[in-house]
């Protein structure tokens, strides 16, 4: 690949990512909470009470939906 094309592509990607940095850390924390909640919910669903597992998974999904809203606000 030509170096000038590679440099232009890197600059373009940096410009596109700049507004996203505003919510990046918040989105990462929301994703971590979602993943932990989903794992705990699946564990509860299969090994304990199915109702409690379902509720935990649904609450975890709320965190994922909020993260998606922040991604769309980009």
PDB file of N, CA and C in Angstrom:
ATOM      1  N   UNK A   1       0.850  -1.181   0.000  1.00  0.00           N
ATOM      2  CA  UNK A   1       0.000   0.000   0.000  1.00  0.00           C
ATOM      3  C   UNK A   1       0.893   1.241   0.000  1.00  0.00           C
ATOM      4  N   UNK A   2       0.524   2.202  -0.781  1.00  0.00           N
ATOM      5  CA  UNK A   2       1.265   3.453  -0.862  1.00  0.00           C
ATOM      6  C   UNK A   2       1.226   4.173   0.486  1.00  0.00           C
ATOM      7  N   UNK A   3       2.382   4.763   0.877  1.00  0.00           N
ATOM      8  CA  UNK A   3       2.457   5.432   2.181  1.00  0.00           C
ATOM      9  C   UNK A   3       1.516   6.620   2.288  1.00  0.00           C
ATOM     10  N   UNK A   4       1.325   7.372   1.210  1.00  0.00           N
ATOM     11  CA  UNK A   4       0.437   8.536   1.276  1.00  0.00           C
ATOM     12  C   UNK A   4      -1.015   8.105   1.492  1.00  0.00           C
ATOM     13  N   UNK A   5      -1.407   7.006   0.885  1.00  0.00           N
ATOM     14  CA  UNK A   5      -2.771   6.503   1.076  1.00  0.00           C
ATOM     15  C   UNK A   5      -2.935   6.014   2.510  1.00  0.00           C
ATOM     16  N   UNK A   6      -1.927   5.309   3.022  1.00  0.00           N
ATOM     17  CA  UNK A   6      -1.973   4.814   4.391  1.00  0.00           C
ATOM     18  C   UNK A   6      -2.066   5.969   5.387  1.00  0.00           C
ATOM     19  N   UNK A   7      -1.315   7.033   5.166  1.00  0.00           N
ATOM     20  CA  UNK A   7      -1.349   8.195   6.063  1.00  0.00           C
ATOM     21  C   UNK A   7      -2.713   8.876   6.024  1.00  0.00           C
ATOM     22  N   UNK A   8      -3.297   8.998   4.844  1.00  0.00           N
ATOM     23  CA  UNK A   8      -4.619   9.618   4.736  1.00  0.00           C
ATOM     24  C   UNK A   8      -5.668   8.776   5.441  1.00  0.00           C
ATOM     25  N   UNK A   9      -5.570   7.457   5.318  1.00  0.00           N
ATOM     26  CA  UNK A   9      -6.537   6.583   5.974  1.00  0.00           C
ATOM     27  C   UNK A   9      -6.425   6.713   7.490  1.00  0.00           C
ATOM     28  N   UNK A  10      -5.207   6.801   8.010  1.00  0.00           N
ATOM     29  CA  UNK A  10      -5.033   6.944   9.452  1.00  0.00           C
ATOM     30  C   UNK A  10      -5.615   8.267   9.938  1.00  0.00           C
ATOM     31  N   UNK A  11      -5.386   9.344   9.220  1.00  0.00           N
ATOM     32  CA  UNK A  11      -5.930  10.647   9.618  1.00  0.00           C
ATOM     33  C   UNK A  11      -7.450  10.632   9.593  1.00  0.00           C
ATOM     34  N   UNK A  12      -8.018  10.020   8.582  1.00  0.00           N
ATOM     35  CA  UNK A  12      -9.470   9.955   8.477  1.00  0.00           C
ATOM     36  C   UNK A  12     -10.050   9.190   9.672  1.00  0.00           C
ATOM     37  N   UNK A  13      -9.426   8.083  10.029  1.00  0.00           N
ATOM     38  CA  UNK A  13      -9.922   7.303  11.159  1.00  0.00           C
ATOM     39  C   UNK A  13      -9.762   8.061  12.467  1.00  0.00           C
ATOM     40  N   UNK A  14      -8.706   8.820  12.609  1.00  0.00           N
ATOM     41  CA  UNK A  14      -8.533   9.607  13.822  1.00  0.00           C
ATOM     42  C   UNK A  14      -9.622  10.666  13.943  1.00  0.00           C
ATOM     43  N   UNK A  15      -9.976  11.301  12.847  1.00  0.00           N
ATOM     44  CA  UNK A  15     -11.043  12.309  12.876  1.00  0.00           C
ATOM     45  C   UNK A  15     -12.379  11.678  13.224  1.00  0.00           C
ATOM     46  N   UNK A  16     -12.647  10.501  12.688  1.00  0.00           N
ATOM     47  CA  UNK A  16     -13.925   9.845  12.968  1.00  0.00           C
ATOM     48  C   UNK A  16     -14.015   9.395  14.420  1.00  0.00           C
ATOM     49  N   UNK A  17     -12.900   9.015  15.026  1.00  0.00           N
ATOM     50  CA  UNK A  17     -12.921   8.527  16.400  1.00  0.00           C
ATOM     51  C   UNK A  17     -12.920   9.647  17.434  1.00  0.00           C
ATOM     52  N   UNK A  18     -12.570  10.849  17.055  1.00  0.00           N
ATOM     53  CA  UNK A  18     -12.447  11.939  18.022  1.00  0.00           C
ATOM     54  C   UNK A  18     -13.740  12.206  18.793  1.00  0.00           C
ATOM     55  N   UNK A  19     -14.904  12.345  18.151  1.00  0.00           N
ATOM     56  CA  UNK A  19     -16.125  12.589  18.933  1.00  0.00           C
ATOM     57  C   UNK A  19     -16.506  11.397  19.812  1.00  0.00           C
ATOM     58  N   UNK A  20     -16.127  10.201  19.404  1.00  0.00           N
ATOM     59  CA  UNK A  20     -16.500   9.005  20.149  1.00  0.00           C
ATOM     60  C   UNK A  20     -15.768   8.932  21.490  1.00  0.00           C
ATOM     61  N   UNK A  21     -14.585   9.532  21.576  1.00  0.00           N
ATOM     62  CA  UNK A  21     -13.806   9.463  22.807  1.00  0.00           C
ATOM     63  C   UNK A  21     -14.546  10.061  23.985  1.00  0.00           C
ATOM     64  N   UNK A  22     -15.502  10.921  23.721  1.00  0.00           N
ATOM     65  CA  UNK A  22     -16.278  11.559  24.771  1.00  0.00           C
ATOM     66  C   UNK A  22     -17.037  10.537  25.621  1.00  0.00           C
ATOM     67  N   UNK A  23     -17.551   9.505  24.997  1.00  0.00           N
ATOM     68  CA  UNK A  23     -18.340   8.486  25.686  1.00  0.00           C
ATOM     69  C   UNK A  23     -17.643   7.128  25.751  1.00  0.00           C
ATOM     70  N   UNK A  24     -16.433   7.042  25.273  1.00  0.00           N
ATOM     71  CA  UNK A  24     -15.765   5.744  25.156  1.00  0.00           C
ATOM     72  C   UNK A  24     -15.636   5.029  26.505  1.00  0.00           C
ATOM     73  N   UNK A  25     -15.149   5.717  27.523  1.00  0.00           N
ATOM     74  CA  UNK A  25     -14.950   5.079  28.827  1.00  0.00           C
ATOM     75  C   UNK A  25     -16.291   4.663  29.435  1.00  0.00           C
ATOM     76  N   UNK A  26     -17.297   5.524  29.312  1.00  0.00           N
ATOM     77  CA  UNK A  26     -18.624   5.180  29.827  1.00  0.00           C
ATOM     78  C   UNK A  26     -19.175   3.953  29.120  1.00  0.00           C
ATOM     79  N   UNK A  27     -19.013   3.883  27.801  1.00  0.00           N
ATOM     80  CA  UNK A  27     -19.492   2.734  27.036  1.00  0.00           C
ATOM     81  C   UNK A  27     -18.767   1.459  27.430  1.00  0.00           C
ATOM     82  N   UNK A  28     -17.466   1.558  27.692  1.00  0.00           N
ATOM     83  CA  UNK A  28     -16.719   0.375  28.104  1.00  0.00           C
ATOM     84  C   UNK A  28     -17.223  -0.150  29.449  1.00  0.00           C
ATOM     85  N   UNK A  29     -17.484   0.761  30.399  1.00  0.00           N
ATOM     86  CA  UNK A  29     -18.006   0.338  31.704  1.00  0.00           C
ATOM     87  C   UNK A  29     -19.395  -0.276  31.562  1.00  0.00           C
ATOM     88  N   UNK A  30     -20.227   0.312  30.723  1.00  0.00           N
ATOM     89  CA  UNK A  30     -21.563  -0.246  30.510  1.00  0.00           C
ATOM     90  C   UNK A  30     -21.477  -1.639  29.889  1.00  0.00           C
ATOM     91  N   UNK A  31     -20.531  -1.837  28.971  1.00  0.00           N
ATOM     92  CA  UNK A  31     -20.345  -3.162  28.370  1.00  0.00           C
ATOM     93  C   UNK A  31     -19.852  -4.176  29.391  1.00  0.00           C
ATOM     94  N   UNK A  32     -18.942  -3.759  30.272  1.00  0.00           N
ATOM     95  CA  UNK A  32     -18.450  -4.665  31.310  1.00  0.00           C
ATOM     96  C   UNK A  32     -19.594  -5.080  32.240  1.00  0.00           C
ATOM     97  N   UNK A  33     -20.416  -4.102  32.637  1.00  0.00           N
ATOM     98  CA  UNK A  33     -21.561  -4.412  33.503  1.00  0.00           C
ATOM     99  C   UNK A  33     -22.520  -5.365  32.794  1.00  0.00           C
ATOM    100  N   UNK A  34     -22.751  -5.120  31.514  1.00  0.00           N
ATOM    101  CA  UNK A  34     -23.632  -5.995  30.742  1.00  0.00           C
ATOM    102  C   UNK A  34     -23.092  -7.423  30.688  1.00  0.00           C
ATOM    103  N   UNK A  35     -21.803  -7.559  30.377  1.00  0.00           N
ATOM    104  CA  UNK A  35     -21.233  -8.903  30.253  1.00  0.00           C
ATOM    105  C   UNK A  35     -21.263  -9.656  31.586  1.00  0.00           C
ATOM    106  N   UNK A  36     -20.909  -8.976  32.659  1.00  0.00           N
ATOM    107  CA  UNK A  36     -20.962  -9.627  33.972  1.00  0.00           C
ATOM    108  C   UNK A  36     -22.392 -10.010  34.340  1.00  0.00           C
ATOM    109  N   UNK A  37     -23.328  -9.100  34.095  1.00  0.00           N
ATOM    110  CA  UNK A  37     -24.727  -9.386  34.384  1.00  0.00           C
ATOM    111  C   UNK A  37     -25.257 -10.547  33.563  1.00  0.00           C
ATOM    112  N   UNK A  38     -24.862 -10.596  32.285  1.00  0.00           N
ATOM    113  CA  UNK A  38     -25.319 -11.693  31.429  1.00  0.00           C
ATOM    114  C   UNK A  38     -24.756 -13.030  31.915  1.00  0.00           C
ATOM    115  N   UNK A  39     -23.478 -13.050  32.288  1.00  0.00           N
ATOM    116  CA  UNK A  39     -22.884 -14.299  32.785  1.00  0.00           C
ATOM    117  C   UNK A  39     -23.534 -14.748  34.090  1.00  0.00           C
ATOM    118  N   UNK A  40     -23.743 -13.813  34.993  1.00  0.00           N
ATOM    119  CA  UNK A  40     -24.389 -14.154  36.259  1.00  0.00           C
ATOM    120  C   UNK A  40     -25.829 -14.619  36.013  1.00  0.00           C
ATOM    121  N   UNK A  41     -26.520 -13.929  35.115  1.00  0.00           N
ATOM    122  CA  UNK A  41     -27.895 -14.307  34.799  1.00  0.00           C
ATOM    123  C   UNK A  41     -27.997 -15.695  34.192  1.00  0.00           C
ATOM    124  N   UNK A  42     -27.095 -16.024  33.296  1.00  0.00           N
ATOM    125  CA  UNK A  42     -27.108 -17.363  32.688  1.00  0.00           C
ATOM    126  C   UNK A  42     -26.806 -18.416  33.745  1.00  0.00           C
ATOM    127  N   UNK A  43     -25.852 -18.118  34.627  1.00  0.00           N
ATOM    128  CA  UNK A  43     -25.557 -19.055  35.718  1.00  0.00           C
ATOM    129  C   UNK A  43     -26.760 -19.285  36.610  1.00  0.00           C
ATOM    130  N   UNK A  44     -27.419 -18.192  36.966  1.00  0.00           N
ATOM    131  CA  UNK A  44     -28.628 -18.330  37.789  1.00  0.00           C
ATOM    132  C   UNK A  44     -29.715 -19.097  37.049  1.00  0.00           C
ATOM    133  N   UNK A  45     -29.878 -18.801  35.780  1.00  0.00           N
ATOM    134  CA  UNK A  45     -30.929 -19.433  34.986  1.00  0.00           C
ATOM    135  C   UNK A  45     -30.763 -20.952  34.941  1.00  0.00           C
ATOM    136  N   UNK A  46     -29.532 -21.405  34.711  1.00  0.00           N
ATOM    137  CA  UNK A  46     -29.315 -22.848  34.557  1.00  0.00           C
ATOM    138  C   UNK A  46     -29.102 -23.588  35.874  1.00  0.00           C
ATOM    139  N   UNK A  47     -28.580 -22.900  36.896  1.00  0.00           N
ATOM    140  CA  UNK A  47     -28.212 -23.625  38.113  1.00  0.00           C
ATOM    141  C   UNK A  47     -29.054 -23.270  39.335  1.00  0.00           C
ATOM    142  N   UNK A  48     -29.857 -22.232  39.262  1.00  0.00           N
ATOM    143  CA  UNK A  48     -30.680 -21.843  40.406  1.00  0.00           C
ATOM    144  C   UNK A  48     -32.120 -21.655  39.929  1.00  0.00           C
ATOM    145  N   UNK A  49     -32.627 -20.462  40.171  1.00  0.00           N
ATOM    146  CA  UNK A  49     -34.006 -20.129  39.839  1.00  0.00           C
ATOM    147  C   UNK A  49     -34.083 -19.496  38.451  1.00  0.00           C
ATOM    148  N   UNK A  50     -34.908 -20.044  37.584  1.00  0.00           N
ATOM    149  CA  UNK A  50     -35.026 -19.515  36.227  1.00  0.00           C
ATOM    150  C   UNK A  50     -35.600 -18.100  36.209  1.00  0.00           C
ATOM    151  N   UNK A  51     -36.515 -17.802  37.101  1.00  0.00           N
ATOM    152  CA  UNK A  51     -37.110 -16.464  37.141  1.00  0.00           C
ATOM    153  C   UNK A  51     -36.067 -15.422  37.519  1.00  0.00           C
ATOM    154  N   UNK A  52     -35.265 -15.710  38.529  1.00  0.00           N
ATOM    155  CA  UNK A  52     -34.211 -14.780  38.952  1.00  0.00           C
ATOM    156  C   UNK A  52     -33.178 -14.602  37.837  1.00  0.00           C
ATOM    157  N   UNK A  53     -32.816 -15.671  37.173  1.00  0.00           N
ATOM    158  CA  UNK A  53     -31.870 -15.583  36.056  1.00  0.00           C
ATOM    159  C   UNK A  53     -32.396 -14.724  34.929  1.00  0.00           C
ATOM    160  N   UNK A  54     -33.676 -14.884  34.623  1.00  0.00           N
ATOM    161  CA  UNK A  54     -34.292 -14.078  33.569  1.00  0.00           C
ATOM    162  C   UNK A  54     -34.295 -12.605  33.942  1.00  0.00           C
ATOM    163  N   UNK A  55     -34.604 -12.298  35.181  1.00  0.00           N
ATOM    164  CA  UNK A  55     -34.635 -10.900  35.629  1.00  0.00           C
ATOM    165  C   UNK A  55     -33.242 -10.288  35.544  1.00  0.00           C
ATOM    166  N   UNK A  56     -32.215 -11.028  35.984  1.00  0.00           N
ATOM    167  CA  UNK A  56     -30.847 -10.504  35.931  1.00  0.00           C
ATOM    168  C   UNK A  56     -30.427 -10.258  34.483  1.00  0.00           C
ATOM    169  N   UNK A  57     -30.768 -11.159  33.585  1.00  0.00           N
ATOM    170  CA  UNK A  57     -30.421 -10.975  32.176  1.00  0.00           C
ATOM    171  C   UNK A  57     -31.144  -9.762  31.600  1.00  0.00           C
ATOM    172  N   UNK A  58     -32.396  -9.565  31.938  1.00  0.00           N
ATOM    173  CA  UNK A  58     -33.144  -8.405  31.440  1.00  0.00           C
ATOM    174  C   UNK A  58     -32.555  -7.094  31.958  1.00  0.00           C
ATOM    175  N   UNK A  59     -32.145  -7.078  33.224  1.00  0.00           N
ATOM    176  CA  UNK A  59     -31.506  -5.870  33.769  1.00  0.00           C
ATOM    177  C   UNK A  59     -30.176  -5.613  33.056  1.00  0.00           C
ATOM    178  N   UNK A  60     -29.416  -6.678  32.783  1.00  0.00           N
ATOM    179  CA  UNK A  60     -28.157  -6.530  32.056  1.00  0.00           C
ATOM    180  C   UNK A  60     -28.413  -5.972  30.651  1.00  0.00           C
ATOM    181  N   UNK A  61     -29.506  -6.390  30.034  1.00  0.00           N
ATOM    182  CA  UNK A  61     -29.832  -5.893  28.697  1.00  0.00           C
ATOM    183  C   UNK A  61     -30.133  -4.400  28.710  1.00  0.00           C
ATOM    184  N   UNK A  62     -30.652  -3.894  29.802  1.00  0.00           N
ATOM    185  CA  UNK A  62     -30.904  -2.456  29.913  1.00  0.00           C
ATOM    186  C   UNK A  62     -29.582  -1.698  29.804  1.00  0.00           C
ATOM    187  N   UNK A  63     -28.526  -2.214  30.449  1.00  0.00           N
ATOM    188  CA  UNK A  63     -27.213  -1.574  30.345  1.00  0.00           C
ATOM    189  C   UNK A  63     -26.714  -1.593  28.905  1.00  0.00           C
ATOM    190  N   UNK A  64     -26.946  -2.678  28.192  1.00  0.00           N
ATOM    191  CA  UNK A  64     -26.521  -2.769  26.792  1.00  0.00           C
ATOM    192  C   UNK A  64     -27.302  -1.799  25.919  1.00  0.00           C
ATOM    193  N   UNK A  65     -28.581  -1.642  26.169  1.00  0.00           N
ATOM    194  CA  UNK A  65     -29.394  -0.705  25.402  1.00  0.00           C
ATOM    195  C   UNK A  65     -28.904   0.722  25.625  1.00  0.00           C
ATOM    196  N   UNK A  66     -28.581   1.054  26.876  1.00  0.00           N
ATOM    197  CA  UNK A  66     -28.062   2.397  27.175  1.00  0.00           C
ATOM    198  C   UNK A  66     -26.736   2.602  26.449  1.00  0.00           C
ATOM    199  N   UNK A  67     -25.874   1.577  26.426  1.00  0.00           N
ATOM    200  CA  UNK A  67     -24.600   1.686  25.713  1.00  0.00           C
ATOM    201  C   UNK A  67     -24.839   1.912  24.223  1.00  0.00           C
ATOM    202  N   UNK A  68     -25.804   1.232  23.654  1.00  0.00           N
ATOM    203  CA  UNK A  68     -26.119   1.414  22.226  1.00  0.00           C
ATOM    204  C   UNK A  68     -26.628   2.821  21.951  1.00  0.00           C
ATOM    205  N   UNK A  69     -27.390   3.385  22.874  1.00  0.00           N
ATOM    206  CA  UNK A  69     -27.872   4.766  22.713  1.00  0.00           C
ATOM    207  C   UNK A  69     -26.694   5.720  22.655  1.00  0.00           C
ATOM    208  N   UNK A  70     -25.721   5.523  23.544  1.00  0.00           N
ATOM    209  CA  UNK A  70     -24.524   6.375  23.502  1.00  0.00           C
ATOM    210  C   UNK A  70     -23.742   6.182  22.203  1.00  0.00           C
ATOM    211  N   UNK A  71     -23.721   4.967  21.686  1.00  0.00           N
ATOM    212  CA  UNK A  71     -23.030   4.724  20.417  1.00  0.00           C
ATOM    213  C   UNK A  71     -23.742   5.449  19.281  1.00  0.00           C
ATOM    214  N   UNK A  72     -25.066   5.453  19.298  1.00  0.00           N
ATOM    215  CA  UNK A  72     -25.825   6.130  18.251  1.00  0.00           C
ATOM    216  C   UNK A  72     -25.738   7.649  18.344  1.00  0.00           C
ATOM    217  N   UNK A  73     -25.496   8.169  19.546  1.00  0.00           N
ATOM    218  CA  UNK A  73     -25.370   9.612  19.733  1.00  0.00           C
ATOM    219  C   UNK A  73     -24.070  10.149  19.158  1.00  0.00           C
ATOM    220  N   UNK A  74     -23.184   9.292  18.779  1.00  0.00           N
ATOM    221  CA  UNK A  74     -21.883   9.646  18.203  1.00  0.00           C
ATOM    222  C   UNK A  74     -22.036  10.703  17.190  1.00  0.00           C
TER     223      UNK A  74
END
